[in-house]
Structure formats: C-alpha cells, structure tokens
C-alpha cells in the first residue's frame, strides 16, 4: 500500500514553495490524515489511492474551514488585542495556528485536485473561499492568498502524466508555476 506522503509527493508536493515552518506543518497534517487515508484505502481497494488522498484531504480541509468559521470572531479579537498591546514591531511574533493549518491543508488539497484534473473553476472557488476566511481573521490579502493556493493546483496538474504528454499545456502550466512563485 502506498502512503499519503508518497501519493502527495508524486502529485508535486516537493515543488510547493514552503517555508520550513510550513514544511513541518504540512508533514504534521499528513501524519494526522494518515490513519484515515489508510482506512479509506483498505475499505475501498477498487479505488485509486489518489482518490482516497483527495477524500482524506477534503475531510481535513472542511473540518479546518468549519473551525475557522466558528472561531473567526475569537481569532480576530485575539489578533487585535495582540496588535493593540504589542504594536507592529512585536505582534507578528504571535499568531494562531488554525489559520496556518488551514492554509497548508488547502494547499495540499488543491494540489491533489489539480493532479486529478478536477475543474479549475471549482478549485478557484475553494481557493477564494479559503482566502476570504483567512482574511477575516488575519487581515491577509485575499487575492495574494488565492493566487498562492492556485499555484498548488497548477503544480498538481503539471504532475499528472496525461497533462505531461501535452507539451503545450505542460509549458503553459510550468509558466504559471514559475510566474506565481
């Protein structure tokens, strides 16, 4: 049986531009999802491990989104208190983990969607929803976050062997990956 890390690596995970903190965070998310992924593969041996990886990441991403949405007011208030108390110079040293987890999980999830050649507009909608949820708690730039997330989608798409055979698309996808990095 293939493990989740191997599946995501073959879908392009190693090409994602991640800080060392986000690399650790992504590994932890994968480790958390491993048991669910393995159980899904055992229960559905007729299905592709890539489909099981997508389902596992969908579950994880949805749970994180629900947590962000239900805790948005508290997270925003916490951030405001830290900002007001410490000011610009020191407030960036403190941040909630949940938004970072959501960003990393969504990045992996969209990469898997790209690898499975899922619909661009659906992936873009998910990237936008996640970006908007993060902006509510972190005052982040929605478009910048959405673009970063969609880069993962294109990386996944470029690793699918069907896409790789189409040299023109492969070149365009590669250009998008380089342009948005």
Protein backbone atom coordinates (compact mmCIF):
# COMPACT_ATOMS: atom_id res chain seq x y z
CA UNK A 1 0.00 0.00 0.00
CA UNK A 2 1.19 3.48 -0.83
CA UNK A 3 1.29 6.02 1.96
CA UNK A 4 -0.17 9.51 1.83
CA UNK A 5 3.23 11.19 1.73
CA UNK A 6 4.23 9.21 -1.37
CA UNK A 7 0.93 9.99 -3.09
CA UNK A 8 1.29 13.71 -2.43
CA UNK A 9 4.96 13.69 -3.43
CA UNK A 10 4.07 12.18 -6.80
CA UNK A 11 1.38 14.87 -7.19
CA UNK A 12 4.01 17.60 -6.78
CA UNK A 13 4.25 18.29 -3.06
CA UNK A 14 8.03 18.67 -3.21
CA UNK A 15 7.65 21.52 -5.69
CA UNK A 16 5.46 23.61 -3.42
CA UNK A 17 7.27 26.70 -2.19
CA UNK A 18 7.01 26.28 1.57
CA UNK A 19 8.80 27.91 4.48
CA UNK A 20 10.49 25.49 6.87
CA UNK A 21 7.60 26.12 9.30
CA UNK A 22 5.05 25.24 6.60
CA UNK A 23 7.01 22.12 5.64
CA UNK A 24 6.74 20.90 9.23
CA UNK A 25 3.09 21.93 9.37
CA UNK A 26 2.35 20.04 6.12
CA UNK A 27 4.10 16.93 7.42
CA UNK A 28 2.02 17.12 10.60
CA UNK A 29 -1.20 17.47 8.61
CA UNK A 30 -0.23 14.44 6.53
CA UNK A 31 0.65 12.48 9.65
CA UNK A 32 -2.73 13.37 11.16
CA UNK A 33 -4.51 12.26 7.97
CA UNK A 34 -2.53 9.03 7.51
CA UNK A 35 -4.81 6.77 9.56
CA UNK A 36 -7.95 7.98 7.77
CA UNK A 37 -6.22 7.60 4.39
CA UNK A 38 -5.05 4.05 5.18
CA UNK A 39 -8.52 3.06 6.40
CA UNK A 40 -10.12 4.54 3.27
CA UNK A 41 -7.71 2.58 1.06
CA UNK A 42 -8.46 -0.65 2.93
CA UNK A 43 -12.21 -0.09 2.72
CA UNK A 44 -12.10 0.84 -0.98
CA UNK A 45 -9.38 -1.28 -2.64
CA UNK A 46 -11.03 -0.80 -6.05
CA UNK A 47 -10.47 2.96 -5.92
CA UNK A 48 -7.31 4.85 -6.74
CA UNK A 49 -5.11 5.90 -3.80
CA UNK A 50 -5.16 9.38 -5.35
CA UNK A 51 -8.95 9.47 -4.99
CA UNK A 52 -8.61 8.33 -1.38
CA UNK A 53 -5.99 11.04 -0.77
CA UNK A 54 -8.35 13.65 -2.20
CA UNK A 55 -11.18 12.43 0.01
CA UNK A 56 -8.97 12.45 3.09
CA UNK A 57 -7.73 15.97 2.39
CA UNK A 58 -11.27 17.13 1.62
CA UNK A 59 -12.36 15.95 5.05
CA UNK A 60 -9.41 17.64 6.76
CA UNK A 61 -9.88 20.89 4.85
CA UNK A 62 -13.61 21.02 5.55
CA UNK A 63 -13.04 20.46 9.27
CA UNK A 64 -10.46 23.25 9.38
CA UNK A 65 -12.78 25.60 7.47
CA UNK A 66 -15.61 24.92 9.92
CA UNK A 67 -13.23 25.59 12.82
CA UNK A 68 -12.08 28.88 11.27
CA UNK A 69 -15.64 29.97 10.57
CA UNK A 70 -16.86 29.16 14.08
CA UNK A 71 -13.83 30.75 15.76
CA UNK A 72 -13.36 33.73 13.42
CA UNK A 73 -14.57 36.33 15.92
CA UNK A 74 -12.36 34.96 18.70
CA UNK A 75 -9.32 34.69 16.44
CA UNK A 76 -9.84 38.22 15.13
CA UNK A 77 -10.26 39.60 18.67
CA UNK A 78 -7.14 37.79 19.83
CA UNK A 79 -5.17 39.23 16.91
CA UNK A 80 -6.49 42.72 17.59
CA UNK A 81 -5.57 42.51 21.29
CA UNK A 82 -2.06 41.34 20.46
CA UNK A 83 -1.71 44.10 17.87
CA UNK A 84 -3.01 46.79 20.24
CA UNK A 85 -0.89 45.58 23.14
CA UNK A 86 2.39 44.87 21.38
CA UNK A 87 2.23 47.06 18.30
CA UNK A 88 3.55 46.33 14.83
CA UNK A 89 7.08 45.56 15.97
CA UNK A 90 6.24 42.53 18.12
CA UNK A 91 2.73 41.43 17.18
CA UNK A 92 3.95 39.39 14.21
CA UNK A 93 5.71 37.04 16.65
CA UNK A 94 2.32 35.80 17.86
CA UNK A 95 -0.27 34.17 15.68
CA UNK A 96 -2.93 31.48 15.87
CA UNK A 97 -2.10 28.05 14.48
CA UNK A 98 -5.51 27.31 12.96
CA UNK A 99 -5.22 29.76 10.02
CA UNK A 100 -1.77 28.40 9.19
CA UNK A 101 -3.07 24.84 9.30
CA UNK A 102 -5.95 25.77 7.01
CA UNK A 103 -3.60 27.40 4.50
CA UNK A 104 -1.26 24.39 4.41
CA UNK A 105 -4.06 21.84 4.21
CA UNK A 106 -5.85 23.76 1.46
CA UNK A 107 -2.60 23.98 -0.50
CA UNK A 108 -2.21 20.17 -0.38
CA UNK A 109 -5.89 19.67 -1.17
CA UNK A 110 -5.84 21.93 -4.23
CA UNK A 111 -2.63 20.28 -5.44
CA UNK A 112 -4.43 16.92 -5.28
CA UNK A 113 -7.37 18.41 -7.18
CA UNK A 114 -5.01 19.66 -9.87
CA UNK A 115 -3.32 16.28 -10.11
CA UNK A 116 -6.71 14.62 -10.58
CA UNK A 117 -7.54 17.15 -13.32
CA UNK A 118 -10.55 18.48 -11.46
CA UNK A 119 -12.40 21.54 -12.64
CA UNK A 120 -10.40 24.78 -12.43
CA UNK A 121 -13.39 26.94 -11.51
CA UNK A 122 -14.29 24.69 -8.58
CA UNK A 123 -10.71 24.79 -7.31
CA UNK A 124 -10.64 28.55 -7.78
CA UNK A 125 -13.89 28.88 -5.80
CA UNK A 126 -12.39 26.84 -2.95
CA UNK A 127 -9.22 28.94 -3.03
CA UNK A 128 -11.30 32.11 -2.89
CA UNK A 129 -13.46 30.85 -0.01
CA UNK A 130 -10.38 29.87 1.97
CA UNK A 131 -8.69 33.20 1.22
CA UNK A 132 -11.76 35.09 2.37
CA UNK A 133 -11.97 33.05 5.59
CA UNK A 134 -8.30 33.72 6.32
CA UNK A 135 -8.70 37.43 5.58
CA UNK A 136 -11.45 37.63 8.22
CA UNK A 137 -9.05 36.54 10.96
CA UNK A 138 -5.66 37.70 9.70
CA UNK A 139 -6.36 40.76 7.54
CA UNK A 140 -4.45 38.99 4.75
CA UNK A 141 -4.68 39.92 1.08
CA UNK A 142 -7.43 37.75 -0.43
CA UNK A 143 -6.07 37.85 -3.99
CA UNK A 144 -2.50 37.11 -2.93
CA UNK A 145 -3.61 34.11 -0.86
CA UNK A 146 -5.91 32.85 -3.63
CA UNK A 147 -3.08 33.10 -6.17
CA UNK A 148 -0.72 31.23 -3.84
CA UNK A 149 -3.28 28.47 -3.37
CA UNK A 150 -3.99 28.17 -7.10
CA UNK A 151 -0.28 27.77 -7.74
CA UNK A 152 -0.55 24.47 -5.86
CA UNK A 153 -3.42 23.45 -8.15
CA UNK A 154 -1.24 24.07 -11.22
CA UNK A 155 1.69 22.20 -9.72
CA UNK A 156 -0.55 19.18 -9.15
CA UNK A 157 -1.97 19.44 -12.65
CA UNK A 158 1.51 19.56 -14.18
CA UNK A 159 2.42 16.28 -12.44
CA UNK A 160 -0.42 14.29 -13.96
CA UNK A 161 1.02 12.05 -16.69
CA UNK A 162 -1.93 12.79 -19.02
CA UNK A 163 -1.14 16.50 -18.84
CA UNK A 164 2.60 15.92 -19.14
CA UNK A 165 2.04 14.31 -22.54
CA UNK A 166 0.54 17.55 -23.88
CA UNK A 167 3.62 19.65 -24.29
CA UNK A 168 1.83 22.96 -24.93
CA UNK A 169 -0.27 22.67 -21.78
CA UNK A 170 2.76 21.49 -19.85
CA UNK A 171 4.68 24.58 -20.93
CA UNK A 172 1.82 26.92 -20.01
CA UNK A 173 1.34 25.20 -16.65
CA UNK A 174 5.06 25.41 -15.98
CA UNK A 175 5.00 29.10 -16.87
CA UNK A 176 2.12 29.69 -14.39
CA UNK A 177 4.04 27.86 -11.69
CA UNK A 178 7.15 29.96 -12.24
CA UNK A 179 5.25 33.22 -12.64
CA UNK A 180 3.28 32.87 -9.41
CA UNK A 181 6.17 31.77 -7.23
